[in-house]
Amino acid sequence: NRRAALSFFDSDHGDGRAGDLYLKVEVLPQSLYDRDGDDLRLTLSIDLFTVLLGGKVSVPAIDKPVNLTIPEGTRNGKTFRLTKLGMPKLRQPDERGDLYVTVAIELPAKLSDEEKRLVREWQAVREKK
């Protein structure tokens, strides 16, 4: 929350005396991001196959979506720092904070019989190592 005072002179109403106008500005929470000063934090659901094999995902930055390369074998909870994609800095609008993207692996809700069979085969391969 911020409070600002503006001085003004009112010649159209009343007696024309100068006065102050007080504004209270409140930044409402945004459901997608958590704000940490000029930095933004975002948890992004990424499918199992992309974190296992690697790939690109679209990240909803505040100005436009950006692509993030997910390396093969990325762990759940891994955080990526996207520089200068956070909030503009107060009094330095050309400077920006960073956007931190934390991976949340999204597992399939329900597996078909074929998928279960394949996962069991994969498990057997892994256990032989």
C-alpha atoms as a PDB file:
ATOM      1  CA  ASN A   1       0.000   0.000   0.000  1.00  0.00           C
ATOM      2  CA  ARG A   2       1.226   3.470  -0.865  1.00  0.00           C
ATOM      3  CA  ARG A   3      -0.064   6.883   0.052  1.00  0.00           C
ATOM      4  CA  ALA A   4       0.496   9.933  -2.123  1.00  0.00           C
ATOM      5  CA  ALA A   5      -0.355  13.594  -1.552  1.00  0.00           C
ATOM      6  CA  LEU A   6      -1.029  15.934  -4.443  1.00  0.00           C
ATOM      7  CA  SER A   7      -1.262  19.701  -4.002  1.00  0.00           C
ATOM      8  CA  PHE A   8      -3.829  21.494  -6.124  1.00  0.00           C
ATOM      9  CA  PHE A   9      -5.569  24.822  -6.498  1.00  0.00           C
ATOM     10  CA  ASP A  10      -9.326  24.754  -7.009  1.00  0.00           C
ATOM     11  CA  SER A  11     -10.565  27.863  -8.812  1.00  0.00           C
ATOM     12  CA  ASP A  12     -13.783  26.321 -10.120  1.00  0.00           C
ATOM     13  CA  HIS A  13     -15.383  25.308  -6.824  1.00  0.00           C
ATOM     14  CA  GLY A  14     -15.554  26.898  -3.440  1.00  0.00           C
ATOM     15  CA  ASP A  15     -13.316  29.736  -2.380  1.00  0.00           C
ATOM     16  CA  GLY A  16     -10.280  28.856  -4.535  1.00  0.00           C
ATOM     17  CA  ARG A  17      -7.967  27.933  -1.687  1.00  0.00           C
ATOM     18  CA  ALA A  18      -5.121  25.509  -2.286  1.00  0.00           C
ATOM     19  CA  GLY A  19      -5.398  22.087  -0.704  1.00  0.00           C
ATOM     20  CA  ASP A  20      -4.061  18.548  -0.703  1.00  0.00           C
ATOM     21  CA  LEU A  21      -5.631  15.481  -2.208  1.00  0.00           C
ATOM     22  CA  TYR A  22      -4.615  12.224  -0.538  1.00  0.00           C
ATOM     23  CA  LEU A  23      -4.698   9.013  -2.528  1.00  0.00           C
ATOM     24  CA  LYS A  24      -4.208   5.544  -1.133  1.00  0.00           C
ATOM     25  CA  VAL A  25      -3.095   3.076  -3.794  1.00  0.00           C
ATOM     26  CA  GLU A  26      -3.465  -0.614  -3.063  1.00  0.00           C
ATOM     27  CA  VAL A  27      -1.966  -3.291  -5.303  1.00  0.00           C
ATOM     28  CA  LEU A  28      -4.371  -6.196  -5.407  1.00  0.00           C
ATOM     29  CA  PRO A  29      -2.997  -9.728  -5.358  1.00  0.00           C
ATOM     30  CA  GLN A  30      -2.802 -11.441  -8.723  1.00  0.00           C
ATOM     31  CA  SER A  31      -3.641 -15.125  -8.688  1.00  0.00           C
ATOM     32  CA  LEU A  32      -0.967 -16.166 -11.195  1.00  0.00           C
ATOM     33  CA  TYR A  33       2.067 -14.475  -9.628  1.00  0.00           C
ATOM     34  CA  ASP A  34       3.472 -13.903  -6.173  1.00  0.00           C
ATOM     35  CA  ARG A  35       5.247 -10.579  -5.911  1.00  0.00           C
ATOM     36  CA  ASP A  36       8.551 -10.179  -4.075  1.00  0.00           C
ATOM     37  CA  GLY A  37       9.516  -6.519  -4.491  1.00  0.00           C
ATOM     38  CA  ASP A  38      10.246  -6.105  -8.205  1.00  0.00           C
ATOM     39  CA  ASP A  39      10.531  -9.867  -8.720  1.00  0.00           C
ATOM     40  CA  LEU A  40       7.635 -12.148  -9.612  1.00  0.00           C
ATOM     41  CA  ARG A  41       7.279 -15.828  -8.718  1.00  0.00           C
ATOM     42  CA  LEU A  42       5.190 -18.320 -10.638  1.00  0.00           C
ATOM     43  CA  THR A  43       4.576 -22.050 -10.237  1.00  0.00           C
ATOM     44  CA  LEU A  44       4.124 -23.719 -13.610  1.00  0.00           C
ATOM     45  CA  SER A  45       2.615 -27.171 -14.148  1.00  0.00           C
ATOM     46  CA  ILE A  46       4.705 -29.142 -16.648  1.00  0.00           C
ATOM     47  CA  ASP A  47       3.827 -32.580 -17.958  1.00  0.00           C
ATOM     48  CA  LEU A  48       5.876 -35.645 -17.001  1.00  0.00           C
ATOM     49  CA  PHE A  49       7.187 -36.264 -20.523  1.00  0.00           C
ATOM     50  CA  THR A  50       8.617 -32.752 -20.892  1.00  0.00           C
ATOM     51  CA  VAL A  51      10.527 -32.932 -17.596  1.00  0.00           C
ATOM     52  CA  LEU A  52      11.825 -36.429 -18.381  1.00  0.00           C
ATOM     53  CA  LEU A  53      12.826 -35.851 -21.997  1.00  0.00           C
ATOM     54  CA  GLY A  54      13.291 -32.070 -22.079  1.00  0.00           C
ATOM     55  CA  GLY A  55      11.455 -29.595 -24.246  1.00  0.00           C
ATOM     56  CA  LYS A  56      10.037 -26.102 -24.421  1.00  0.00           C
ATOM     57  CA  VAL A  57       7.132 -24.671 -22.447  1.00  0.00           C
ATOM     58  CA  SER A  58       5.329 -21.365 -22.721  1.00  0.00           C
ATOM     59  CA  VAL A  59       5.608 -19.138 -19.648  1.00  0.00           C
ATOM     60  CA  PRO A  60       2.992 -16.399 -19.167  1.00  0.00           C
ATOM     61  CA  ALA A  61       5.225 -13.373 -18.464  1.00  0.00           C
ATOM     62  CA  ILE A  62       3.415 -10.119 -17.649  1.00  0.00           C
ATOM     63  CA  ASP A  63       3.925  -8.554 -21.096  1.00  0.00           C
ATOM     64  CA  LYS A  64       3.784 -11.599 -23.365  1.00  0.00           C
ATOM     65  CA  PRO A  65       4.342 -15.366 -23.270  1.00  0.00           C
ATOM     66  CA  VAL A  66       7.975 -16.474 -23.476  1.00  0.00           C
ATOM     67  CA  ASN A  67       9.479 -19.889 -24.220  1.00  0.00           C
ATOM     68  CA  LEU A  68      11.463 -21.661 -21.515  1.00  0.00           C
ATOM     69  CA  THR A  69      13.695 -24.606 -22.358  1.00  0.00           C
ATOM     70  CA  ILE A  70      13.257 -27.411 -19.833  1.00  0.00           C
ATOM     71  CA  PRO A  71      16.396 -29.582 -19.667  1.00  0.00           C
ATOM     72  CA  GLU A  72      16.063 -33.366 -19.740  1.00  0.00           C
ATOM     73  CA  GLY A  73      15.609 -34.792 -16.234  1.00  0.00           C
ATOM     74  CA  THR A  74      14.387 -31.567 -14.579  1.00  0.00           C
ATOM     75  CA  ARG A  75      13.341 -32.207 -10.978  1.00  0.00           C
ATOM     76  CA  ASN A  76      10.085 -31.176  -9.354  1.00  0.00           C
ATOM     77  CA  GLY A  77      10.536 -27.873  -7.534  1.00  0.00           C
ATOM     78  CA  LYS A  78      13.410 -26.682  -9.760  1.00  0.00           C
ATOM     79  CA  THR A  79      13.307 -22.890 -10.138  1.00  0.00           C
ATOM     80  CA  PHE A  80      14.376 -21.051 -13.285  1.00  0.00           C
ATOM     81  CA  ARG A  81      15.267 -17.343 -13.237  1.00  0.00           C
ATOM     82  CA  LEU A  82      14.100 -15.311 -16.230  1.00  0.00           C
ATOM     83  CA  THR A  83      15.975 -12.022 -15.977  1.00  0.00           C
ATOM     84  CA  LYS A  84      14.251  -8.692 -16.507  1.00  0.00           C
ATOM     85  CA  LEU A  85      10.781 -10.239 -16.896  1.00  0.00           C
ATOM     86  CA  GLY A  86       9.472  -9.098 -13.513  1.00  0.00           C
ATOM     87  CA  MET A  87       7.862  -5.808 -12.484  1.00  0.00           C
ATOM     88  CA  PRO A  88       9.253  -2.441 -13.613  1.00  0.00           C
ATOM     89  CA  LYS A  89      11.312  -0.830 -10.849  1.00  0.00           C
ATOM     90  CA  LEU A  90       9.841   2.184  -9.100  1.00  0.00           C
ATOM     91  CA  ARG A  91      11.652   5.364 -10.191  1.00  0.00           C
ATOM     92  CA  GLN A  92      13.602   3.332 -12.804  1.00  0.00           C
ATOM     93  CA  PRO A  93      10.921   2.167 -15.281  1.00  0.00           C
ATOM     94  CA  ASP A  94      13.540   0.986 -17.778  1.00  0.00           C
ATOM     95  CA  GLU A  95      14.814  -1.530 -15.195  1.00  0.00           C
ATOM     96  CA  ARG A  96      12.846  -4.636 -14.244  1.00  0.00           C
ATOM     97  CA  GLY A  97      12.922  -7.350 -11.651  1.00  0.00           C
ATOM     98  CA  ASP A  98      13.152 -11.031 -12.520  1.00  0.00           C
ATOM     99  CA  LEU A  99      10.539 -13.735 -13.030  1.00  0.00           C
ATOM    100  CA  TYR A 100      11.199 -16.959 -11.107  1.00  0.00           C
ATOM    101  CA  VAL A 101       9.429 -20.025 -12.509  1.00  0.00           C
ATOM    102  CA  THR A 102       9.143 -23.099 -10.276  1.00  0.00           C
ATOM    103  CA  VAL A 103       8.388 -26.463 -11.893  1.00  0.00           C
ATOM    104  CA  ALA A 104       5.415 -28.476 -10.634  1.00  0.00           C
ATOM    105  CA  ILE A 105       5.350 -31.841 -12.391  1.00  0.00           C
ATOM    106  CA  GLU A 106       1.878 -32.754 -13.573  1.00  0.00           C
ATOM    107  CA  LEU A 107       1.221 -36.492 -13.456  1.00  0.00           C
ATOM    108  CA  PRO A 108      -1.512 -38.127 -15.526  1.00  0.00           C
ATOM    109  CA  ALA A 109      -4.736 -38.381 -13.514  1.00  0.00           C
ATOM    110  CA  LYS A 110      -5.713 -41.780 -14.864  1.00  0.00           C
ATOM    111  CA  LEU A 111      -3.788 -44.361 -16.862  1.00  0.00           C
ATOM    112  CA  SER A 112      -5.268 -46.660 -19.444  1.00  0.00           C
ATOM    113  CA  ASP A 113      -4.482 -50.391 -19.286  1.00  0.00           C
ATOM    114  CA  GLU A 114      -1.950 -49.921 -22.106  1.00  0.00           C
ATOM    115  CA  GLU A 115      -0.244 -47.059 -20.249  1.00  0.00           C
ATOM    116  CA  LYS A 116      -0.081 -49.109 -17.039  1.00  0.00           C
ATOM    117  CA  ARG A 117       1.509 -51.974 -18.969  1.00  0.00           C
ATOM    118  CA  LEU A 118       4.126 -49.620 -20.442  1.00  0.00           C
ATOM    119  CA  VAL A 119       4.907 -48.090 -17.040  1.00  0.00           C
ATOM    120  CA  ARG A 120       5.382 -51.584 -15.566  1.00  0.00           C
ATOM    121  CA  GLU A 121       7.753 -52.450 -18.430  1.00  0.00           C
ATOM    122  CA  TRP A 122       9.648 -49.232 -17.803  1.00  0.00           C
ATOM    123  CA  GLN A 123       9.793 -50.035 -14.083  1.00  0.00           C
ATOM    124  CA  ALA A 124      11.235 -53.491 -14.849  1.00  0.00           C
ATOM    125  CA  VAL A 125      13.908 -51.928 -17.067  1.00  0.00           C
ATOM    126  CA  ARG A 126      14.836 -49.456 -14.327  1.00  0.00           C
ATOM    127  CA  GLU A 127      15.038 -52.214 -11.684  1.00  0.00           C
ATOM    128  CA  LYS A 128      17.519 -54.220 -13.796  1.00  0.00           C
ATOM    129  CA  LYS A 129      20.099 -51.412 -13.573  1.00  0.00           C
END
